[in-house]
């Protein structure tokens, strides 16, 4: 065990710095789920000491100090060849620790990500293809696959056919084509029989050249976020592959964000928007629009998938996202409206501009910004059709959410009162569902179609029933309003 990583399944090979291929050493590479690539070397690739600049040394002496190591000081590109012939590249590697014992020096490196299948230049290598598997992707897509063409137990014969069809590819505005790809997987043994399965990939090809980091930001995170919102369960990446060009092989990417495939199949009736409802064209619309939303969608998606954060943390995150989402989806007041507000204040307070000369350039410019409560109201107006009942009595909901946000942000309270937990859970869930609706509308899905799905979605039905019980002053039944 090294650094908490089990080396039992380590990949043995020889490794060297990309710029120093004449110095190769034996090592063991470990690619564990949820962990960064970890390389244990039998000899160091980089020296532990560095020589002090000659101009800073006393004449006639050579002075050495410990080398500056770690993620803030090293960004190594390490190439390797595994014993089975697989080429590997470690990107942004750094020294995690060293050990010198009985004259033998050893070094351990950790990398930000690894590529299996080729030697590349590092973080700035460009790729034009990417494909990925996500948890629950197969269940979300529900593509036709295997069929039983013949089954004759008396003859001991069964015939399976694989018909891997899928929706037509869709073009992206910024270049590239989005599609779904199926691959059959066959494991066969003449003695034990075998296993037949399939793998479904979301694939984007024929892209303008991009770095691996750009592809992750532009496609992996947005697609994971969208499927999490559409299935109402976590859909982190399971596998990622990139290719430099259409005629080049797929290279396997490994980093700490990858997770194991889920064992539980997310049934279609438990999903909010399976592929058959959402459509691949709307996934493309999402990819074209989501870049303007920045880091907001992953936060909302995490709220749907995670339960390990405290109630206060989740609330603060989501109300912050609500404000940020409003800023990105809406415009400020028109210049005419802002000018009207200024004139109204200037008329009401004699010589206001002369007595407070910085007002117009400073404080008064904020008249162009709606208040947090007003932002909430405008966001609620955007989903009133698509998410029926998500804010209950909207005016009361706005006051409730604003009050909660201010208390948490300014910390003007003691410990969280047990009697309020149920109310706060209702507030949290209402904000989460509102943000989910706002984001899903960015796919171009008509509000009426989303409403038809959400009103029959069991988790949403449960939220509304629970909110009426736990926060009746906001979510009491429509007939009582």
Protein backbone atom coordinates (compact mmCIF):
# COMPACT_ATOMS: atom_id res chain seq x y z
CA UNK A 1 0.00 0.00 0.00
CA UNK A 2 1.40 3.40 -1.00
CA UNK A 3 -0.36 6.70 -0.33
CA UNK A 4 -3.57 4.74 0.30
CA UNK A 5 -3.45 3.12 -3.17
CA UNK A 6 -3.42 -0.65 -3.60
CA UNK A 7 -0.54 -1.60 -5.90
CA UNK A 8 -1.68 -5.21 -6.35
CA UNK A 9 -3.03 -4.45 -9.83
CA UNK A 10 -0.28 -2.01 -10.81
CA UNK A 11 0.79 -1.90 -14.48
CA UNK A 12 4.49 -2.63 -14.78
CA UNK A 13 6.65 -0.92 -17.40
CA UNK A 14 9.51 1.44 -18.09
CA UNK A 15 9.13 5.20 -17.76
CA UNK A 16 11.10 8.31 -18.70
CA UNK A 17 10.75 12.08 -18.89
CA UNK A 18 9.40 13.13 -22.28
CA UNK A 19 12.46 15.27 -22.98
CA UNK A 20 14.98 12.69 -21.68
CA UNK A 21 14.10 9.37 -23.32
CA UNK A 22 17.63 8.03 -22.84
CA UNK A 23 17.03 7.64 -19.08
CA UNK A 24 14.27 5.05 -18.55
CA UNK A 25 13.55 3.31 -15.23
CA UNK A 26 11.28 0.50 -14.13
CA UNK A 27 8.06 1.46 -12.41
CA UNK A 28 4.52 0.48 -11.50
CA UNK A 29 1.56 2.57 -12.64
CA UNK A 30 -1.71 2.41 -10.70
CA UNK A 31 -4.95 3.68 -12.19
CA UNK A 32 -7.54 3.38 -9.41
CA UNK A 33 -11.16 4.51 -9.55
CA UNK A 34 -11.57 8.00 -8.12
CA UNK A 35 -7.83 8.57 -7.74
CA UNK A 36 -5.13 10.35 -9.70
CA UNK A 37 -2.62 8.22 -11.62
CA UNK A 38 0.11 7.05 -9.27
CA UNK A 39 3.59 5.97 -10.41
CA UNK A 40 6.12 4.19 -8.20
CA UNK A 41 9.64 4.28 -9.67
CA UNK A 42 12.57 2.03 -8.74
CA UNK A 43 14.94 4.92 -9.48
CA UNK A 44 14.26 8.65 -9.51
CA UNK A 45 13.58 10.44 -12.77
CA UNK A 46 14.44 13.85 -11.32
CA UNK A 47 17.28 14.73 -8.90
CA UNK A 48 16.46 15.46 -5.30
CA UNK A 49 19.02 18.29 -5.17
CA UNK A 50 19.61 21.28 -7.39
CA UNK A 51 22.72 23.38 -7.70
CA UNK A 52 22.55 26.98 -6.53
CA UNK A 53 23.14 29.48 -9.31
CA UNK A 54 26.89 30.00 -9.74
CA UNK A 55 26.64 33.76 -9.28
CA UNK A 56 25.14 33.17 -5.82
CA UNK A 57 27.92 30.79 -4.73
CA UNK A 58 31.23 31.45 -3.00
CA UNK A 59 34.15 31.22 -5.42
CA UNK A 60 35.51 27.72 -5.68
CA UNK A 61 32.50 26.00 -4.12
CA UNK A 62 29.44 24.25 -5.53
CA UNK A 63 26.34 24.53 -3.36
CA UNK A 64 23.31 22.25 -3.59
CA UNK A 65 19.91 22.60 -1.97
CA UNK A 66 16.81 20.43 -1.96
CA UNK A 67 14.91 20.58 -5.23
CA UNK A 68 11.58 22.42 -5.15
CA UNK A 69 8.98 19.72 -5.69
CA UNK A 70 5.24 19.24 -5.55
CA UNK A 71 2.28 20.44 -7.62
CA UNK A 72 3.25 24.10 -7.30
CA UNK A 73 6.76 23.55 -8.62
CA UNK A 74 6.64 20.62 -11.05
CA UNK A 75 4.60 19.88 -14.14
CA UNK A 76 6.31 16.86 -15.67
CA UNK A 77 5.36 14.95 -18.79
CA UNK A 78 6.30 11.30 -18.33
CA UNK A 79 6.26 8.76 -21.14
CA UNK A 80 6.20 5.02 -20.60
CA UNK A 81 5.81 1.63 -22.21
CA UNK A 82 3.99 -1.07 -20.25
CA UNK A 83 5.09 -4.68 -20.36
CA UNK A 84 2.20 -5.52 -22.69
CA UNK A 85 3.39 -2.91 -25.19
CA UNK A 86 0.85 -0.19 -24.33
CA UNK A 87 2.25 3.33 -24.58
CA UNK A 88 1.32 5.71 -21.78
CA UNK A 89 1.69 9.44 -21.05
CA UNK A 90 1.40 11.02 -17.60
CA UNK A 91 0.46 14.71 -17.77
CA UNK A 92 1.25 17.32 -15.11
CA UNK A 93 3.08 14.84 -12.89
CA UNK A 94 4.86 15.90 -9.72
CA UNK A 95 6.89 14.29 -6.95
CA UNK A 96 4.72 13.03 -4.14
CA UNK A 97 7.51 11.55 -2.03
CA UNK A 98 10.99 10.04 -2.11
CA UNK A 99 12.81 7.40 -0.14
CA UNK A 100 16.48 6.53 0.17
CA UNK A 101 17.30 3.24 1.86
CA UNK A 102 20.46 1.11 1.71
CA UNK A 103 21.78 3.18 -1.16
CA UNK A 104 18.62 2.74 -3.22
CA UNK A 105 16.65 5.84 -4.15
CA UNK A 106 12.97 5.58 -5.04
CA UNK A 107 10.51 8.21 -6.25
CA UNK A 108 6.70 8.37 -6.33
CA UNK A 109 4.89 10.60 -8.81
CA UNK A 110 1.27 11.66 -9.00
CA UNK A 111 -0.22 12.94 -12.26
CA UNK A 112 -3.30 15.00 -13.03
CA UNK A 113 -4.30 12.57 -15.76
CA UNK A 114 -2.88 9.74 -17.85
CA UNK A 115 -3.38 8.77 -21.49
CA UNK A 116 -3.07 5.14 -22.55
CA UNK A 117 -2.34 4.35 -26.17
CA UNK A 118 0.21 6.94 -27.28
CA UNK A 119 2.95 9.34 -26.34
CA UNK A 120 1.68 12.93 -26.50
CA UNK A 121 3.31 16.27 -25.82
CA UNK A 122 1.39 17.04 -22.64
CA UNK A 123 -1.50 19.28 -21.63
CA UNK A 124 -1.38 21.27 -24.88
CA UNK A 125 -1.81 18.32 -27.22
CA UNK A 126 -4.86 18.86 -29.46
CA UNK A 127 -7.66 16.38 -30.17
CA UNK A 128 -10.61 16.41 -32.56
CA UNK A 129 -12.67 13.48 -31.22
CA UNK A 130 -14.04 12.52 -27.83
CA UNK A 131 -16.37 9.81 -26.61
CA UNK A 132 -17.50 9.00 -23.10
CA UNK A 133 -19.53 6.59 -21.04
CA UNK A 134 -21.57 7.89 -18.11
CA UNK A 135 -23.34 6.12 -15.30
CA UNK A 136 -26.93 5.43 -16.39
CA UNK A 137 -26.19 6.39 -20.02
CA UNK A 138 -27.37 3.02 -21.33
CA UNK A 139 -30.63 3.22 -19.34
CA UNK A 140 -31.21 6.84 -20.42
CA UNK A 141 -30.61 6.09 -24.09
CA UNK A 142 -32.56 2.78 -24.09
CA UNK A 143 -31.30 2.00 -27.58
CA UNK A 144 -32.33 -1.16 -29.41
CA UNK A 145 -29.59 -3.73 -29.10
CA UNK A 146 -29.87 -7.50 -28.83
CA UNK A 147 -32.81 -9.58 -29.92
CA UNK A 148 -33.42 -13.33 -29.61
CA UNK A 149 -33.76 -14.55 -33.18
CA UNK A 150 -33.88 -18.27 -32.35
CA UNK A 151 -34.27 -20.26 -29.16
CA UNK A 152 -34.56 -24.05 -29.45
CA UNK A 153 -33.78 -25.74 -26.11
CA UNK A 154 -34.34 -29.22 -27.63
CA UNK A 155 -31.56 -28.61 -30.12
CA UNK A 156 -29.47 -26.74 -27.56
CA UNK A 157 -29.39 -23.71 -29.81
CA UNK A 158 -29.98 -20.02 -29.30
CA UNK A 159 -29.25 -17.20 -31.71
CA UNK A 160 -28.84 -13.59 -30.67
CA UNK A 161 -28.76 -10.70 -33.13
CA UNK A 162 -27.28 -7.28 -32.42
CA UNK A 163 -28.94 -4.37 -34.13
CA UNK A 164 -27.09 -1.36 -32.82
CA UNK A 165 -29.12 1.46 -34.30
CA UNK A 166 -29.49 4.87 -32.73
CA UNK A 167 -30.71 8.41 -33.40
CA UNK A 168 -29.28 10.34 -36.32
CA UNK A 169 -26.13 12.43 -35.67
CA UNK A 170 -26.66 16.10 -34.86
CA UNK A 171 -24.37 18.99 -35.81
CA UNK A 172 -23.12 21.46 -33.18
CA UNK A 173 -23.01 25.20 -33.82
CA UNK A 174 -19.35 25.52 -32.88
CA UNK A 175 -18.33 22.64 -35.12
CA UNK A 176 -18.43 18.90 -34.62
CA UNK A 177 -21.09 16.21 -34.68
CA UNK A 178 -22.84 14.58 -31.72
CA UNK A 179 -24.04 11.00 -31.88
CA UNK A 180 -24.53 7.81 -29.90
CA UNK A 181 -22.36 4.82 -30.67
CA UNK A 182 -22.90 1.21 -29.62
CA UNK A 183 -20.26 -1.49 -29.45
CA UNK A 184 -20.95 -5.16 -28.69
CA UNK A 185 -18.75 -6.73 -26.03
CA UNK A 186 -18.13 -10.46 -26.26
CA UNK A 187 -16.22 -12.59 -23.77
CA UNK A 188 -15.93 -16.18 -24.93
CA UNK A 189 -14.44 -19.40 -23.59
CA UNK A 190 -14.90 -22.77 -25.32
CA UNK A 191 -15.10 -24.40 -21.89
CA UNK A 192 -17.16 -21.96 -19.84
CA UNK A 193 -19.23 -20.23 -22.49
CA UNK A 194 -19.17 -16.46 -22.41
CA UNK A 195 -20.89 -13.16 -21.87
CA UNK A 196 -22.38 -10.87 -24.46
CA UNK A 197 -23.06 -7.24 -23.73
CA UNK A 198 -22.80 -3.81 -25.25
CA UNK A 199 -21.24 -0.45 -24.49
CA UNK A 200 -22.95 2.84 -25.31
CA UNK A 201 -20.81 5.92 -25.96
CA UNK A 202 -21.80 9.56 -26.30
CA UNK A 203 -19.49 10.74 -29.05
CA UNK A 204 -18.48 14.12 -30.47
CA UNK A 205 -16.36 13.94 -33.62
CA UNK A 206 -14.94 16.21 -36.31
CA UNK A 207 -14.28 18.99 -33.81
CA UNK A 208 -11.95 21.96 -34.20
CA UNK A 209 -8.73 20.90 -32.40
CA UNK A 210 -9.01 21.25 -28.61
CA UNK A 211 -6.93 20.29 -25.59
CA UNK A 212 -8.06 17.52 -23.25
CA UNK A 213 -8.93 20.16 -20.63
CA UNK A 214 -11.08 22.04 -23.14
CA UNK A 215 -12.90 18.82 -24.10
CA UNK A 216 -13.58 18.05 -20.44
CA UNK A 217 -14.98 21.52 -19.78
CA UNK A 218 -16.89 21.72 -23.05
CA UNK A 219 -18.39 18.22 -23.21
CA UNK A 220 -17.73 15.88 -20.28
CA UNK A 221 -18.99 18.14 -17.49
CA UNK A 222 -22.03 19.53 -19.41
CA UNK A 223 -23.14 16.08 -20.60
CA UNK A 224 -22.75 14.61 -17.12
CA UNK A 225 -24.76 17.52 -15.67
CA UNK A 226 -27.55 17.23 -18.25
CA UNK A 227 -27.99 13.48 -17.81
CA UNK A 228 -28.00 13.90 -14.02
CA UNK A 229 -30.84 16.42 -14.31
CA UNK A 230 -32.67 14.34 -16.93
CA UNK A 231 -32.49 11.07 -15.00
CA UNK A 232 -32.68 12.63 -11.51
CA UNK A 233 -29.70 10.57 -10.39
CA UNK A 234 -25.93 10.94 -10.58
CA UNK A 235 -24.31 10.36 -13.99
CA UNK A 236 -20.57 10.88 -13.51
CA UNK A 237 -18.17 9.78 -16.25
CA UNK A 238 -17.14 6.13 -16.29
CA UNK A 239 -14.77 6.15 -19.27
CA UNK A 240 -13.35 8.83 -21.56
CA UNK A 241 -11.45 8.40 -24.81
CA UNK A 242 -9.99 11.01 -27.14
CA UNK A 243 -8.42 10.88 -30.59
CA UNK A 244 -6.11 13.30 -32.35
CA UNK A 245 -7.77 12.81 -35.73
CA UNK A 246 -10.50 10.65 -37.31
CA UNK A 247 -7.97 8.15 -38.63
CA UNK A 248 -6.07 7.95 -35.33
CA UNK A 249 -6.74 5.41 -32.53
CA UNK A 250 -8.81 6.19 -29.47
CA UNK A 251 -6.68 7.02 -26.41
CA UNK A 252 -7.99 6.15 -22.95
CA UNK A 253 -8.05 9.02 -20.45
CA UNK A 254 -7.75 8.33 -16.73
CA UNK A 255 -8.21 10.90 -13.95
CA UNK A 256 -9.71 11.13 -10.49
CA UNK A 257 -13.16 12.13 -11.77
CA UNK A 258 -13.95 8.70 -13.22
CA UNK A 259 -16.30 6.39 -11.36
CA UNK A 260 -17.19 2.72 -11.59
CA UNK A 261 -20.24 1.71 -13.67
CA UNK A 262 -23.43 1.67 -11.64
CA UNK A 263 -24.94 -1.71 -10.83
CA UNK A 264 -28.48 -0.35 -10.46
CA UNK A 265 -30.32 0.25 -13.72
CA UNK A 266 -32.30 3.49 -13.66
CA UNK A 267 -35.69 2.40 -14.99
CA UNK A 268 -37.15 4.63 -17.70
CA UNK A 269 -40.27 5.42 -15.65
CA UNK A 270 -38.06 6.84 -12.88
CA UNK A 271 -36.34 9.24 -15.28
CA UNK A 272 -37.59 12.74 -15.88
CA UNK A 273 -36.41 13.10 -19.49
CA UNK A 274 -35.13 9.91 -21.15
CA UNK A 275 -33.63 10.21 -24.62
CA UNK A 276 -36.93 9.25 -26.26
CA UNK A 277 -38.48 12.41 -24.75
CA UNK A 278 -35.54 14.81 -24.77
CA UNK A 279 -34.06 13.90 -28.16
CA UNK A 280 -30.44 14.09 -29.24
CA UNK A 281 -31.09 17.40 -31.01
CA UNK A 282 -31.93 19.01 -27.67
CA UNK A 283 -28.76 17.57 -26.15
CA UNK A 284 -26.91 19.40 -28.93
CA UNK A 285 -28.85 22.59 -28.13
CA UNK A 286 -27.76 22.21 -24.49
CA UNK A 287 -24.11 21.88 -25.52
CA UNK A 288 -24.41 24.99 -27.67
CA UNK A 289 -26.00 27.01 -24.84
CA UNK A 290 -24.38 25.69 -21.69
CA UNK A 291 -21.02 27.40 -22.15
CA UNK A 292 -22.70 30.72 -21.32
CA UNK A 293 -23.88 29.28 -18.00
CA UNK A 294 -20.35 28.69 -16.73
CA UNK A 295 -19.96 26.50 -13.62
CA UNK A 296 -23.61 26.72 -12.55
CA UNK A 297 -25.10 23.50 -14.06
CA UNK A 298 -22.68 21.13 -12.26
CA UNK A 299 -23.61 22.67 -8.89
CA UNK A 300 -27.32 22.09 -9.51
CA UNK A 301 -26.62 18.58 -10.80
CA UNK A 302 -24.54 17.81 -7.69
CA UNK A 303 -27.44 18.90 -5.51
CA UNK A 304 -29.61 16.29 -7.21
CA UNK A 305 -27.02 13.55 -6.87
CA UNK A 306 -25.32 14.17 -3.53
CA UNK A 307 -26.53 14.11 0.05
CA UNK A 308 -23.23 14.40 1.93
CA UNK A 309 -23.30 18.20 2.31
CA UNK A 310 -24.88 19.97 5.26
CA UNK A 311 -28.28 21.58 4.81
CA UNK A 312 -26.82 25.08 5.27
CA UNK A 313 -24.11 24.46 2.67
CA UNK A 314 -26.56 23.16 0.09
CA UNK A 315 -28.89 26.10 0.62
CA UNK A 316 -26.10 28.66 0.30
CA UNK A 317 -24.81 26.98 -2.84
CA UNK A 318 -28.19 26.89 -4.54
CA UNK A 319 -29.31 30.41 -3.69
CA UNK A 320 -25.93 31.65 -4.95
CA UNK A 321 -26.48 29.70 -8.16
CA UNK A 322 -29.97 31.20 -8.45
CA UNK A 323 -28.52 34.71 -8.38
CA UNK A 324 -25.77 33.78 -10.84
CA UNK A 325 -28.20 32.06 -13.18
CA UNK A 326 -30.43 35.12 -13.22
CA UNK A 327 -27.47 37.32 -14.10
CA UNK A 328 -26.57 35.08 -17.02
CA UNK A 329 -30.09 34.52 -18.34
CA UNK A 330 -31.43 38.05 -18.05
CA UNK A 331 -30.46 41.59 -18.90
CA UNK A 332 -30.19 44.55 -16.60
CA UNK A 333 -32.67 47.40 -16.70
CA UNK A 334 -32.66 49.36 -19.91
CA UNK A 335 -30.77 52.67 -19.89
CA UNK A 336 -34.12 54.47 -19.99
CA UNK A 337 -35.33 52.64 -16.86
CA UNK A 338 -32.08 53.36 -15.02
CA UNK A 339 -32.25 57.04 -15.99
CA UNK A 340 -35.83 57.20 -14.75
CA UNK A 341 -34.83 55.75 -11.38
CA UNK A 342 -32.00 58.27 -11.06
CA UNK A 343 -34.27 61.20 -11.85
CA UNK A 344 -36.87 60.02 -9.33
CA UNK A 345 -34.29 59.93 -6.51
CA UNK A 346 -32.74 63.23 -7.57
CA UNK A 347 -36.16 64.91 -7.48
CA UNK A 348 -37.08 63.45 -4.09
CA UNK A 349 -33.84 64.56 -2.40
CA UNK A 350 -32.88 68.19 -2.94
CA UNK A 351 -29.41 68.69 -4.42
CA UNK A 352 -28.76 64.94 -4.14
CA UNK A 353 -26.16 64.83 -6.91
CA UNK A 354 -24.33 67.89 -5.59
CA UNK A 355 -24.24 66.66 -1.98
CA UNK A 356 -23.24 63.12 -2.91
CA UNK A 357 -21.21 63.62 -6.10
CA UNK A 358 -20.07 60.02 -6.32
CA UNK A 359 -23.63 58.67 -6.17
CA UNK A 360 -24.29 58.45 -9.87
CA UNK A 361 -21.02 56.68 -10.62
CA UNK A 362 -21.19 54.46 -7.54
CA UNK A 363 -24.15 53.50 -5.45
CA UNK A 364 -26.84 54.67 -7.88
CA UNK A 365 -25.54 52.43 -10.64
CA UNK A 366 -26.87 49.51 -8.61
CA UNK A 367 -30.37 50.69 -9.41
CA UNK A 368 -29.80 48.86 -12.67
CA UNK A 369 -29.55 45.60 -10.73
CA UNK A 370 -32.69 43.91 -9.39
CA UNK A 371 -32.64 42.84 -5.76
CA UNK A 372 -32.17 39.19 -4.85
CA UNK A 373 -35.88 38.88 -4.11
CA UNK A 374 -36.74 40.40 -7.49
CA UNK A 375 -34.37 37.99 -9.18
CA UNK A 376 -36.17 35.09 -7.53
CA UNK A 377 -39.49 36.39 -8.74
CA UNK A 378 -38.26 36.72 -12.30
CA UNK A 379 -36.79 33.22 -12.24
CA UNK A 380 -40.09 31.88 -10.90
CA UNK A 381 -41.91 33.62 -13.78
CA UNK A 382 -39.64 31.77 -16.23
CA UNK A 383 -40.73 28.34 -14.95
CA UNK A 384 -44.32 28.99 -13.94
CA UNK A 385 -45.56 26.88 -16.87
CA UNK A 386 -42.79 24.29 -16.95
CA UNK A 387 -42.67 23.52 -13.20
CA UNK A 388 -46.22 23.83 -11.82
CA UNK A 389 -46.32 24.63 -8.13
CA UNK A 390 -42.55 24.75 -7.64
CA UNK A 391 -42.73 28.04 -5.70
CA UNK A 392 -46.21 27.69 -4.16
CA UNK A 393 -47.35 31.22 -3.37
CA UNK A 394 -44.50 32.97 -5.17
CA UNK A 395 -44.52 36.23 -3.15
CA UNK A 396 -44.34 34.31 0.12
CA UNK A 397 -41.75 31.96 -1.36
CA UNK A 398 -39.56 34.87 -2.43
CA UNK A 399 -39.65 36.34 1.08
CA UNK A 400 -38.94 32.97 2.66
CA UNK A 401 -35.96 32.18 0.44
CA UNK A 402 -34.56 35.71 0.75
CA UNK A 403 -34.85 35.65 4.53
CA UNK A 404 -33.14 32.23 4.66
CA UNK A 405 -30.34 33.35 2.37
CA UNK A 406 -29.69 36.52 4.36
CA UNK A 407 -29.61 34.70 7.68
CA UNK A 408 -27.18 32.10 6.41
CA UNK A 409 -25.02 34.60 4.52
CA UNK A 410 -24.73 37.02 7.45
CA UNK A 411 -24.74 34.30 10.12
CA UNK A 412 -27.06 36.32 12.38
CA UNK A 413 -28.36 33.23 14.12
CA UNK A 414 -27.15 30.57 16.53
CA UNK A 415 -27.33 26.88 15.92
CA UNK A 416 -29.80 25.63 13.36
CA UNK A 417 -33.13 25.20 15.10
CA UNK A 418 -34.42 21.65 14.92
CA UNK A 419 -37.97 22.91 14.50
CA UNK A 420 -36.98 24.72 11.28
CA UNK A 421 -35.20 21.85 9.56
CA UNK A 422 -38.33 20.62 7.81
CA UNK A 423 -39.08 24.12 6.53
CA UNK A 424 -35.53 24.56 5.28
CA UNK A 425 -35.58 21.21 3.50
CA UNK A 426 -38.70 22.39 1.66
CA UNK A 427 -36.98 25.66 0.74
CA UNK A 428 -33.91 23.77 -0.46
CA UNK A 429 -35.91 21.35 -2.59
CA UNK A 430 -38.02 24.11 -4.14
CA UNK A 431 -34.91 26.04 -5.18
CA UNK A 432 -33.32 22.87 -6.55
CA UNK A 433 -36.38 21.99 -8.63
CA UNK A 434 -36.73 25.57 -9.87
CA UNK A 435 -33.08 25.61 -11.01
CA UNK A 436 -33.49 22.17 -12.57
CA UNK A 437 -36.42 23.43 -14.60
CA UNK A 438 -34.57 26.55 -15.70
CA UNK A 439 -31.60 24.52 -16.87
CA UNK A 440 -33.65 21.89 -18.67
CA UNK A 441 -35.44 24.65 -20.58
CA UNK A 442 -32.03 25.58 -22.03
CA UNK A 443 -32.32 22.41 -24.14
CA UNK A 444 -35.15 24.04 -26.09
CA UNK A 445 -37.74 21.69 -24.59
CA UNK A 446 -41.16 23.43 -24.67
CA UNK A 447 -42.38 24.35 -21.16
CA UNK A 448 -45.60 22.42 -21.67
CA UNK A 449 -43.70 19.21 -22.46
CA UNK A 450 -41.55 19.60 -19.35
CA UNK A 451 -44.68 20.28 -17.26
CA UNK A 452 -46.33 17.09 -18.54
CA UNK A 453 -43.28 15.08 -17.48
CA UNK A 454 -42.66 16.80 -14.12
CA UNK A 455 -46.26 16.48 -12.92
CA UNK A 456 -46.01 12.70 -13.31
CA UNK A 457 -42.48 12.42 -11.92
CA UNK A 458 -42.67 10.66 -8.56
CA UNK A 459 -39.86 12.60 -6.77
CA UNK A 460 -41.49 15.90 -7.78
CA UNK A 461 -44.91 14.71 -6.64
CA UNK A 462 -43.35 13.75 -3.30
CA UNK A 463 -41.64 17.16 -3.00
CA UNK A 464 -44.92 19.04 -3.47
CA UNK A 465 -46.80 16.84 -1.03
CA UNK A 466 -44.05 17.17 1.57
CA UNK A 467 -43.72 20.94 1.06
CA UNK A 468 -47.44 21.45 1.69
CA UNK A 469 -47.06 19.59 4.96
CA UNK A 470 -43.79 21.13 6.13
CA UNK A 471 -44.18 24.71 4.85
CA UNK A 472 -47.94 25.26 4.47
CA UNK A 473 -47.80 29.07 4.55
CA UNK A 474 -45.94 28.95 1.22
CA UNK A 475 -47.08 25.70 -0.37
CA UNK A 476 -50.69 25.33 0.73
CA UNK A 477 -52.99 23.88 -1.91
CA UNK A 478 -54.10 26.11 -4.78
CA UNK A 479 -57.72 25.95 -3.62
CA UNK A 480 -56.77 27.59 -0.34
CA UNK A 481 -55.04 30.58 -1.91
